[in-house]
């Protein structure tokens, strides 16, 4: 039996940011352009997840400390995109996050970022320290009507 298979190599892009909120939009655009340019995936969901994760790293993780950096990485694999954001902060206990949908939390000005990330991504993991988030979005490789793989 003969099978034709095309496998895409793993591609990676890394960005280092200072802990300045002004850098978030540029970093998100760069990472989303990298991913969307290679795979047909909805850039809106990636943009929201990345914006929330990078904002949390800068504001909560590094506490806007200009001496600390944020490391963002996009890894494109044949069937998934892996996004990883790491800050130089002391971390947090992600298991103790308040549920933003509960009545007592509805009017709070913060606390929805991780909720959005979990909603838009297929997998979300934190390292043990709590200063690194890994987000996974699964993608389908489809053939278009001309037979090209997209």
Foldseek 3Di string as FASTA:
>chain_A
DDDDDDFDDKDKDKDKAFLDLVCQVVVLVVQLCVVCVVAPDDSVLSSLLSSLLSPCQSCVFVVVPRVWMKMWMWMDGRWKIKIKIFTPGQADDPVPQDDCVDPVNVPDPDRCSVVSQVVSFPDWDADPRHRMIMTMHTHDFDADPVRDTD
